[in-house]
Amino acid sequence: MAALGPPQKRVNSQAIKDAIAQYLPGTANVGTWILAGYVENNEIDILAIGQGGVDELVANLSDDEIQFMLIRCPFKKDNTAEETIKDVYICWSGPNVKRMEKAKKKGSDGEYMKSVFTPHHAALEAESRRNFTLRTVLDRASALSGSHIID
């Protein structure tokens, strides 16, 4: 496998930022998401955009890829009836991704994509579809969560 090169030269950052501005403005619906991943020549670009929440987002993930996403979630503040929103960045590492590929792509690319998918209230990692639900995302995105990994 050839060296990947600096992430900022391989990421279509402007397209991703434009999508965030268009699909996730302050008034966007809860459940809206943007998914990015690797396309030709190990470049990172938008793969899909949707409004169907976590279930729809998970259905678009690839078990053989590292992917990056931002999703808008409902969040109850301090166990009160008052509901607000949180934009959550998630780095997906499919269960069939080889260890060396995970190490190369998840590290520098994952950190760089976290800076592209801004603003976000929490940053998570996901490795399995089994527990990748809205409930788990909200739990792991909580400031009091002991883990930020969806396994």
N, C-alpha and C. Protein backbone atom coordinates (compact mmCIF):
# COMPACT_ATOMS: atom_id res chain seq x y z
N MET A 1 0.85 -1.18 0.00
CA MET A 1 0.00 0.00 0.00
C MET A 1 0.89 1.24 0.00
N ALA A 2 0.64 2.16 -0.88
CA ALA A 2 1.44 3.39 -0.98
C ALA A 2 1.14 4.32 0.18
N ALA A 3 2.11 5.18 0.47
CA ALA A 3 1.91 6.18 1.54
C ALA A 3 0.74 7.07 1.18
N LEU A 4 0.00 7.45 2.17
CA LEU A 4 -1.22 8.23 1.94
C LEU A 4 -0.96 9.70 1.74
N GLY A 5 0.09 10.24 2.32
CA GLY A 5 0.35 11.68 2.23
C GLY A 5 -0.45 12.45 3.25
N PRO A 6 -0.16 13.75 3.37
CA PRO A 6 -0.86 14.58 4.37
C PRO A 6 -2.37 14.60 4.12
N PRO A 7 -3.17 14.43 5.17
CA PRO A 7 -4.62 14.38 4.99
C PRO A 7 -5.19 15.64 4.34
N GLN A 8 -4.68 16.80 4.73
CA GLN A 8 -5.27 18.03 4.21
C GLN A 8 -5.17 18.14 2.69
N LYS A 9 -4.23 17.43 2.06
CA LYS A 9 -4.09 17.47 0.61
C LYS A 9 -4.98 16.45 -0.08
N ARG A 10 -5.56 15.53 0.70
CA ARG A 10 -6.38 14.46 0.13
C ARG A 10 -7.86 14.58 0.48
N VAL A 11 -8.23 15.62 1.20
CA VAL A 11 -9.61 15.77 1.66
C VAL A 11 -10.28 16.91 0.91
N ASN A 12 -11.48 16.65 0.43
CA ASN A 12 -12.26 17.69 -0.21
C ASN A 12 -12.94 18.52 0.89
N SER A 13 -12.11 19.23 1.65
CA SER A 13 -12.58 19.97 2.83
C SER A 13 -13.66 20.98 2.49
N GLN A 14 -13.49 21.67 1.37
CA GLN A 14 -14.46 22.71 1.03
C GLN A 14 -15.84 22.11 0.77
N ALA A 15 -15.91 21.00 0.07
CA ALA A 15 -17.20 20.36 -0.19
C ALA A 15 -17.85 19.91 1.12
N ILE A 16 -17.05 19.39 2.04
CA ILE A 16 -17.59 18.94 3.33
C ILE A 16 -18.08 20.14 4.13
N LYS A 17 -17.30 21.21 4.16
CA LYS A 17 -17.73 22.41 4.90
C LYS A 17 -18.97 23.03 4.27
N ASP A 18 -19.05 23.02 2.94
CA ASP A 18 -20.25 23.53 2.26
C ASP A 18 -21.47 22.68 2.62
N ALA A 19 -21.29 21.36 2.69
CA ALA A 19 -22.41 20.47 3.05
C ALA A 19 -22.86 20.73 4.48
N ILE A 20 -21.90 20.95 5.39
CA ILE A 20 -22.25 21.26 6.78
C ILE A 20 -23.06 22.56 6.83
N ALA A 21 -22.62 23.56 6.10
CA ALA A 21 -23.32 24.84 6.08
C ALA A 21 -24.73 24.70 5.49
N GLN A 22 -24.87 23.86 4.46
CA GLN A 22 -26.16 23.69 3.80
C GLN A 22 -27.10 22.78 4.57
N TYR A 23 -26.60 21.65 5.05
CA TYR A 23 -27.47 20.64 5.64
C TYR A 23 -27.54 20.66 7.16
N LEU A 24 -26.56 21.31 7.82
CA LEU A 24 -26.57 21.36 9.28
C LEU A 24 -26.47 22.79 9.82
N PRO A 25 -27.27 23.71 9.27
CA PRO A 25 -27.27 25.04 9.89
C PRO A 25 -27.98 24.94 11.23
N GLY A 26 -28.00 26.01 11.97
CA GLY A 26 -28.62 26.01 13.29
C GLY A 26 -30.05 25.56 13.31
N THR A 27 -30.74 25.64 12.18
CA THR A 27 -32.15 25.29 12.11
C THR A 27 -32.40 23.90 11.53
N ALA A 28 -31.34 23.14 11.25
CA ALA A 28 -31.51 21.82 10.62
C ALA A 28 -32.25 20.86 11.54
N ASN A 29 -32.92 19.92 10.92
CA ASN A 29 -33.69 18.92 11.65
C ASN A 29 -32.77 17.97 12.41
N VAL A 30 -33.25 17.52 13.56
CA VAL A 30 -32.58 16.45 14.29
C VAL A 30 -32.59 15.22 13.39
N GLY A 31 -31.51 14.47 13.38
CA GLY A 31 -31.42 13.28 12.55
C GLY A 31 -30.70 13.50 11.24
N THR A 32 -30.35 14.74 10.94
CA THR A 32 -29.61 15.03 9.72
C THR A 32 -28.16 14.58 9.91
N TRP A 33 -27.58 13.98 8.86
CA TRP A 33 -26.21 13.48 8.95
C TRP A 33 -25.46 13.65 7.64
N ILE A 34 -24.14 13.69 7.75
CA ILE A 34 -23.25 13.75 6.59
C ILE A 34 -22.20 12.67 6.78
N LEU A 35 -21.99 11.85 5.76
CA LEU A 35 -21.03 10.76 5.80
C LEU A 35 -19.94 10.99 4.76
N ALA A 36 -18.70 10.91 5.20
CA ALA A 36 -17.55 11.05 4.29
C ALA A 36 -16.69 9.81 4.39
N GLY A 37 -15.97 9.54 3.32
CA GLY A 37 -15.09 8.39 3.32
C GLY A 37 -14.16 8.42 2.13
N TYR A 38 -13.46 7.33 1.94
CA TYR A 38 -12.44 7.26 0.91
C TYR A 38 -13.06 6.95 -0.44
N VAL A 39 -12.60 7.71 -1.43
CA VAL A 39 -13.01 7.50 -2.82
C VAL A 39 -11.73 7.19 -3.60
N GLU A 40 -11.69 7.47 -4.87
CA GLU A 40 -10.51 7.17 -5.70
C GLU A 40 -9.23 7.78 -5.13
N ASN A 41 -8.13 7.05 -5.31
CA ASN A 41 -6.79 7.51 -4.91
C ASN A 41 -6.70 7.87 -3.43
N ASN A 42 -7.46 7.18 -2.59
CA ASN A 42 -7.44 7.44 -1.14
C ASN A 42 -7.80 8.87 -0.78
N GLU A 43 -8.57 9.53 -1.62
CA GLU A 43 -9.06 10.87 -1.30
C GLU A 43 -10.34 10.73 -0.48
N ILE A 44 -10.59 11.71 0.38
CA ILE A 44 -11.78 11.69 1.24
C ILE A 44 -12.78 12.72 0.73
N ASP A 45 -14.01 12.27 0.54
CA ASP A 45 -15.06 13.15 0.04
C ASP A 45 -16.40 12.70 0.63
N ILE A 46 -17.44 13.45 0.36
CA ILE A 46 -18.78 13.12 0.85
C ILE A 46 -19.27 11.86 0.13
N LEU A 47 -19.79 10.92 0.91
CA LEU A 47 -20.36 9.69 0.36
C LEU A 47 -21.88 9.73 0.35
N ALA A 48 -22.48 10.34 1.39
CA ALA A 48 -23.94 10.38 1.49
C ALA A 48 -24.37 11.44 2.48
N ILE A 49 -25.59 11.92 2.31
CA ILE A 49 -26.21 12.88 3.22
C ILE A 49 -27.64 12.41 3.43
N GLY A 50 -28.12 12.48 4.67
CA GLY A 50 -29.49 12.04 4.92
C GLY A 50 -30.11 12.75 6.10
N GLN A 51 -31.39 12.45 6.32
CA GLN A 51 -32.13 13.06 7.41
C GLN A 51 -32.87 12.03 8.24
N GLY A 52 -32.53 10.75 8.08
CA GLY A 52 -33.27 9.68 8.73
C GLY A 52 -32.68 9.19 10.04
N GLY A 53 -31.78 9.96 10.63
CA GLY A 53 -31.26 9.62 11.94
C GLY A 53 -30.20 8.53 11.94
N VAL A 54 -29.91 8.04 13.13
CA VAL A 54 -28.83 7.07 13.33
C VAL A 54 -29.08 5.79 12.54
N ASP A 55 -30.30 5.28 12.53
CA ASP A 55 -30.59 4.02 11.83
C ASP A 55 -30.26 4.13 10.34
N GLU A 56 -30.66 5.23 9.72
CA GLU A 56 -30.37 5.43 8.30
C GLU A 56 -28.87 5.59 8.08
N LEU A 57 -28.20 6.32 8.97
CA LEU A 57 -26.75 6.51 8.86
C LEU A 57 -26.03 5.17 8.94
N VAL A 58 -26.36 4.35 9.92
CA VAL A 58 -25.71 3.05 10.11
C VAL A 58 -25.92 2.16 8.88
N ALA A 59 -27.08 2.24 8.25
CA ALA A 59 -27.34 1.45 7.05
C ALA A 59 -26.42 1.84 5.89
N ASN A 60 -25.84 3.03 5.94
CA ASN A 60 -24.95 3.51 4.87
C ASN A 60 -23.48 3.23 5.15
N LEU A 61 -23.16 2.65 6.30
CA LEU A 61 -21.76 2.38 6.64
C LEU A 61 -21.25 1.13 5.93
N SER A 62 -19.95 1.11 5.67
CA SER A 62 -19.30 -0.03 5.05
C SER A 62 -18.43 -0.75 6.08
N ASP A 63 -18.58 -2.06 6.18
CA ASP A 63 -17.79 -2.84 7.13
C ASP A 63 -16.32 -2.93 6.74
N ASP A 64 -15.99 -2.57 5.51
CA ASP A 64 -14.62 -2.67 5.01
C ASP A 64 -13.91 -1.32 4.94
N GLU A 65 -14.48 -0.28 5.54
CA GLU A 65 -13.94 1.07 5.38
C GLU A 65 -13.81 1.80 6.71
N ILE A 66 -12.94 2.81 6.69
CA ILE A 66 -12.89 3.84 7.72
C ILE A 66 -13.73 4.98 7.15
N GLN A 67 -14.70 5.47 7.92
CA GLN A 67 -15.57 6.55 7.46
C GLN A 67 -15.74 7.58 8.57
N PHE A 68 -16.14 8.77 8.18
CA PHE A 68 -16.25 9.89 9.10
C PHE A 68 -17.61 10.53 8.93
N MET A 69 -18.23 10.92 10.06
CA MET A 69 -19.59 11.45 9.95
C MET A 69 -19.88 12.50 11.01
N LEU A 70 -20.89 13.29 10.72
CA LEU A 70 -21.43 14.26 11.66
C LEU A 70 -22.93 14.06 11.67
N ILE A 71 -23.52 13.93 12.86
CA ILE A 71 -24.96 13.73 12.96
C ILE A 71 -25.53 14.64 14.03
N ARG A 72 -26.69 15.18 13.75
CA ARG A 72 -27.39 16.05 14.70
C ARG A 72 -28.35 15.20 15.52
N CYS A 73 -28.18 15.24 16.84
CA CYS A 73 -28.96 14.40 17.76
C CYS A 73 -29.74 15.26 18.75
N PRO A 74 -30.91 14.76 19.18
CA PRO A 74 -31.65 15.44 20.25
C PRO A 74 -30.95 15.16 21.58
N PHE A 75 -30.99 16.10 22.46
CA PHE A 75 -30.31 15.91 23.74
C PHE A 75 -31.10 16.61 24.82
N LYS A 76 -31.42 15.87 25.88
CA LYS A 76 -32.12 16.47 27.02
C LYS A 76 -31.09 16.99 28.00
N LYS A 77 -31.23 18.25 28.34
CA LYS A 77 -30.25 18.91 29.20
C LYS A 77 -30.51 18.59 30.66
N ASP A 78 -29.51 18.02 31.32
CA ASP A 78 -29.56 17.75 32.77
C ASP A 78 -30.83 17.03 33.21
N ASN A 79 -31.25 16.03 32.45
CA ASN A 79 -32.43 15.23 32.77
C ASN A 79 -33.69 16.06 32.97
N THR A 80 -33.80 17.16 32.28
CA THR A 80 -35.01 17.98 32.34
C THR A 80 -35.83 17.74 31.08
N ALA A 81 -36.95 18.34 31.01
CA ALA A 81 -37.80 18.22 29.83
C ALA A 81 -37.27 19.07 28.68
N GLU A 82 -36.39 20.01 28.98
CA GLU A 82 -35.85 20.89 27.95
C GLU A 82 -34.94 20.12 27.00
N GLU A 83 -35.28 20.16 25.72
CA GLU A 83 -34.50 19.45 24.72
C GLU A 83 -33.69 20.43 23.89
N THR A 84 -32.45 20.06 23.61
CA THR A 84 -31.58 20.85 22.76
C THR A 84 -30.99 19.90 21.72
N ILE A 85 -30.00 20.34 20.99
CA ILE A 85 -29.37 19.49 19.99
C ILE A 85 -27.88 19.41 20.24
N LYS A 86 -27.29 18.31 19.76
CA LYS A 86 -25.85 18.15 19.76
C LYS A 86 -25.44 17.62 18.40
N ASP A 87 -24.40 18.20 17.84
CA ASP A 87 -23.80 17.65 16.63
C ASP A 87 -22.65 16.77 17.10
N VAL A 88 -22.66 15.52 16.66
CA VAL A 88 -21.69 14.54 17.13
C VAL A 88 -20.85 14.05 15.95
N TYR A 89 -19.52 14.15 16.09
CA TYR A 89 -18.58 13.62 15.11
C TYR A 89 -18.28 12.17 15.49
N ILE A 90 -18.31 11.29 14.50
CA ILE A 90 -18.02 9.88 14.75
C ILE A 90 -17.06 9.37 13.68
N CYS A 91 -16.02 8.69 14.12
CA CYS A 91 -15.09 8.01 13.22
C CYS A 91 -15.45 6.52 13.25
N TRP A 92 -15.89 5.99 12.11
CA TRP A 92 -16.29 4.59 12.00
C TRP A 92 -15.10 3.78 11.47
N SER A 93 -14.82 2.69 12.14
CA SER A 93 -13.81 1.74 11.71
C SER A 93 -14.49 0.40 11.56
N GLY A 94 -14.83 0.05 10.32
CA GLY A 94 -15.58 -1.18 10.08
C GLY A 94 -14.86 -2.41 10.61
N PRO A 95 -15.63 -3.43 11.01
CA PRO A 95 -15.04 -4.62 11.63
C PRO A 95 -14.12 -5.41 10.69
N ASN A 96 -14.23 -5.20 9.38
CA ASN A 96 -13.39 -5.94 8.44
C ASN A 96 -12.17 -5.15 7.97
N VAL A 97 -11.92 -3.97 8.55
CA VAL A 97 -10.75 -3.18 8.17
C VAL A 97 -9.52 -3.81 8.82
N LYS A 98 -8.46 -3.98 8.03
CA LYS A 98 -7.24 -4.59 8.53
C LYS A 98 -6.53 -3.65 9.50
N ARG A 99 -5.81 -4.24 10.45
CA ARG A 99 -5.15 -3.45 11.51
C ARG A 99 -4.22 -2.38 10.97
N MET A 100 -3.40 -2.70 10.00
CA MET A 100 -2.46 -1.71 9.45
C MET A 100 -3.20 -0.54 8.80
N GLU A 101 -4.26 -0.86 8.09
CA GLU A 101 -5.06 0.19 7.46
C GLU A 101 -5.71 1.07 8.52
N LYS A 102 -6.22 0.45 9.60
CA LYS A 102 -6.80 1.22 10.71
C LYS A 102 -5.77 2.18 11.28
N ALA A 103 -4.58 1.67 11.53
CA ALA A 103 -3.53 2.49 12.13
C ALA A 103 -3.18 3.67 11.23
N LYS A 104 -3.07 3.44 9.94
CA LYS A 104 -2.69 4.52 9.01
C LYS A 104 -3.80 5.56 8.85
N LYS A 105 -5.01 5.09 8.63
CA LYS A 105 -6.10 6.00 8.27
C LYS A 105 -6.80 6.62 9.47
N LYS A 106 -6.98 5.84 10.52
CA LYS A 106 -7.75 6.32 11.65
C LYS A 106 -7.00 7.41 12.42
N GLY A 107 -5.70 7.29 12.53
CA GLY A 107 -4.90 8.25 13.29
C GLY A 107 -4.92 9.64 12.71
N SER A 108 -4.08 9.89 11.72
CA SER A 108 -3.95 11.25 11.19
C SER A 108 -5.19 11.70 10.44
N ASP A 109 -5.79 10.80 9.65
CA ASP A 109 -7.00 11.20 8.91
C ASP A 109 -8.16 11.45 9.85
N GLY A 110 -8.31 10.60 10.87
CA GLY A 110 -9.40 10.78 11.82
C GLY A 110 -9.31 12.09 12.57
N GLU A 111 -8.09 12.43 12.99
CA GLU A 111 -7.89 13.71 13.69
C GLU A 111 -8.13 14.89 12.76
N TYR A 112 -7.66 14.78 11.52
CA TYR A 112 -7.87 15.88 10.58
C TYR A 112 -9.36 16.04 10.27
N MET A 113 -10.06 14.92 10.06
CA MET A 113 -11.49 15.00 9.74
C MET A 113 -12.27 15.57 10.92
N LYS A 114 -11.81 15.31 12.13
CA LYS A 114 -12.46 15.91 13.30
C LYS A 114 -12.40 17.43 13.21
N SER A 115 -11.30 17.96 12.67
CA SER A 115 -11.17 19.42 12.54
C SER A 115 -11.99 19.95 11.36
N VAL A 116 -12.28 19.10 10.38
CA VAL A 116 -13.10 19.52 9.23
C VAL A 116 -14.58 19.50 9.62
N PHE A 117 -15.01 18.47 10.33
CA PHE A 117 -16.40 18.34 10.75
C PHE A 117 -16.65 19.17 12.01
N THR A 118 -16.59 20.46 11.87
CA THR A 118 -16.82 21.36 13.00
C THR A 118 -17.98 22.29 12.67
N PRO A 119 -18.65 22.81 13.66
CA PRO A 119 -18.47 22.53 15.08
C PRO A 119 -19.16 21.23 15.45
N HIS A 120 -18.66 20.59 16.50
CA HIS A 120 -19.32 19.41 17.06
C HIS A 120 -19.18 19.46 18.58
N HIS A 121 -20.13 18.85 19.24
CA HIS A 121 -20.17 18.86 20.70
C HIS A 121 -19.45 17.68 21.33
N ALA A 122 -19.29 16.61 20.56
CA ALA A 122 -18.63 15.41 21.07
C ALA A 122 -17.98 14.68 19.90
N ALA A 123 -16.92 13.93 20.20
CA ALA A 123 -16.23 13.12 19.19
C ALA A 123 -16.19 11.68 19.69
N LEU A 124 -16.71 10.78 18.86
CA LEU A 124 -16.79 9.36 19.23
C LEU A 124 -16.09 8.50 18.19
N GLU A 125 -15.85 7.26 18.56
CA GLU A 125 -15.36 6.23 17.65
C GLU A 125 -16.37 5.10 17.67
N ALA A 126 -16.58 4.47 16.51
CA ALA A 126 -17.51 3.35 16.43
C ALA A 126 -16.83 2.20 15.70
N GLU A 127 -17.06 0.98 16.22
CA GLU A 127 -16.41 -0.20 15.66
C GLU A 127 -17.39 -1.31 15.32
N SER A 128 -18.64 -1.17 15.74
CA SER A 128 -19.61 -2.24 15.53
C SER A 128 -21.00 -1.64 15.33
N ARG A 129 -21.78 -2.26 14.47
CA ARG A 129 -23.16 -1.82 14.25
C ARG A 129 -24.07 -2.24 15.41
N ARG A 130 -23.67 -3.30 16.12
CA ARG A 130 -24.52 -3.90 17.14
C ARG A 130 -25.08 -2.88 18.13
N ASN A 131 -24.24 -2.01 18.65
CA ASN A 131 -24.67 -1.02 19.63
C ASN A 131 -24.73 0.40 19.07
N PHE A 132 -24.65 0.53 17.77
CA PHE A 132 -24.65 1.85 17.13
C PHE A 132 -26.10 2.31 16.99
N THR A 133 -26.65 2.84 18.09
CA THR A 133 -28.03 3.30 18.14
C THR A 133 -28.04 4.74 18.65
N LEU A 134 -29.17 5.40 18.51
CA LEU A 134 -29.28 6.76 19.03
C LEU A 134 -29.02 6.78 20.53
N ARG A 135 -29.57 5.82 21.23
CA ARG A 135 -29.38 5.77 22.69
C ARG A 135 -27.89 5.69 23.06
N THR A 136 -27.13 4.84 22.36
CA THR A 136 -25.70 4.70 22.64
C THR A 136 -24.93 5.96 22.24
N VAL A 137 -25.29 6.55 21.12
CA VAL A 137 -24.63 7.80 20.69
C VAL A 137 -24.83 8.88 21.75
N LEU A 138 -26.06 9.03 22.23
CA LEU A 138 -26.34 10.04 23.25
C LEU A 138 -25.60 9.75 24.54
N ASP A 139 -25.55 8.48 24.93
CA ASP A 139 -24.83 8.10 26.15
C ASP A 139 -23.34 8.42 26.02
N ARG A 140 -22.72 8.00 24.91
CA ARG A 140 -21.27 8.21 24.74
C ARG A 140 -20.94 9.68 24.51
N ALA A 141 -21.88 10.46 23.98
CA ALA A 141 -21.64 11.89 23.73
C ALA A 141 -21.79 12.73 25.00
N SER A 142 -22.32 12.12 26.05
CA SER A 142 -22.48 12.83 27.32
C SER A 142 -21.14 13.16 27.93
N ALA A 143 -21.04 14.33 28.53
CA ALA A 143 -19.78 14.74 29.17
C ALA A 143 -19.40 13.80 30.30
N LEU A 144 -20.37 13.12 30.90
CA LEU A 144 -20.10 12.23 32.02
C LEU A 144 -19.85 10.79 31.59
N SER A 145 -19.86 10.52 30.29
CA SER A 145 -19.64 9.17 29.81
C SER A 145 -18.19 8.75 30.05
N GLY A 146 -18.01 7.55 30.51
CA GLY A 146 -16.64 7.06 30.74
C GLY A 146 -15.99 6.57 29.46
N SER A 147 -16.77 6.32 28.43
CA SER A 147 -16.23 5.82 27.17
C SER A 147 -16.79 6.62 26.01
N HIS A 148 -15.96 6.84 25.03
CA HIS A 148 -16.41 7.52 23.81
C HIS A 148 -16.30 6.58 22.63
N ILE A 149 -16.43 5.29 22.90
CA ILE A 149 -16.33 4.27 21.86
C ILE A 149 -17.64 3.48 21.81
N ILE A 150 -18.18 3.34 20.61
CA ILE A 150 -19.36 2.52 20.38
C ILE A 150 -18.85 1.17 19.88
N ASP A 151 -18.98 0.15 20.72
CA ASP A 151 -18.47 -1.17 20.33
C ASP A 151 -19.56 -2.21 20.30
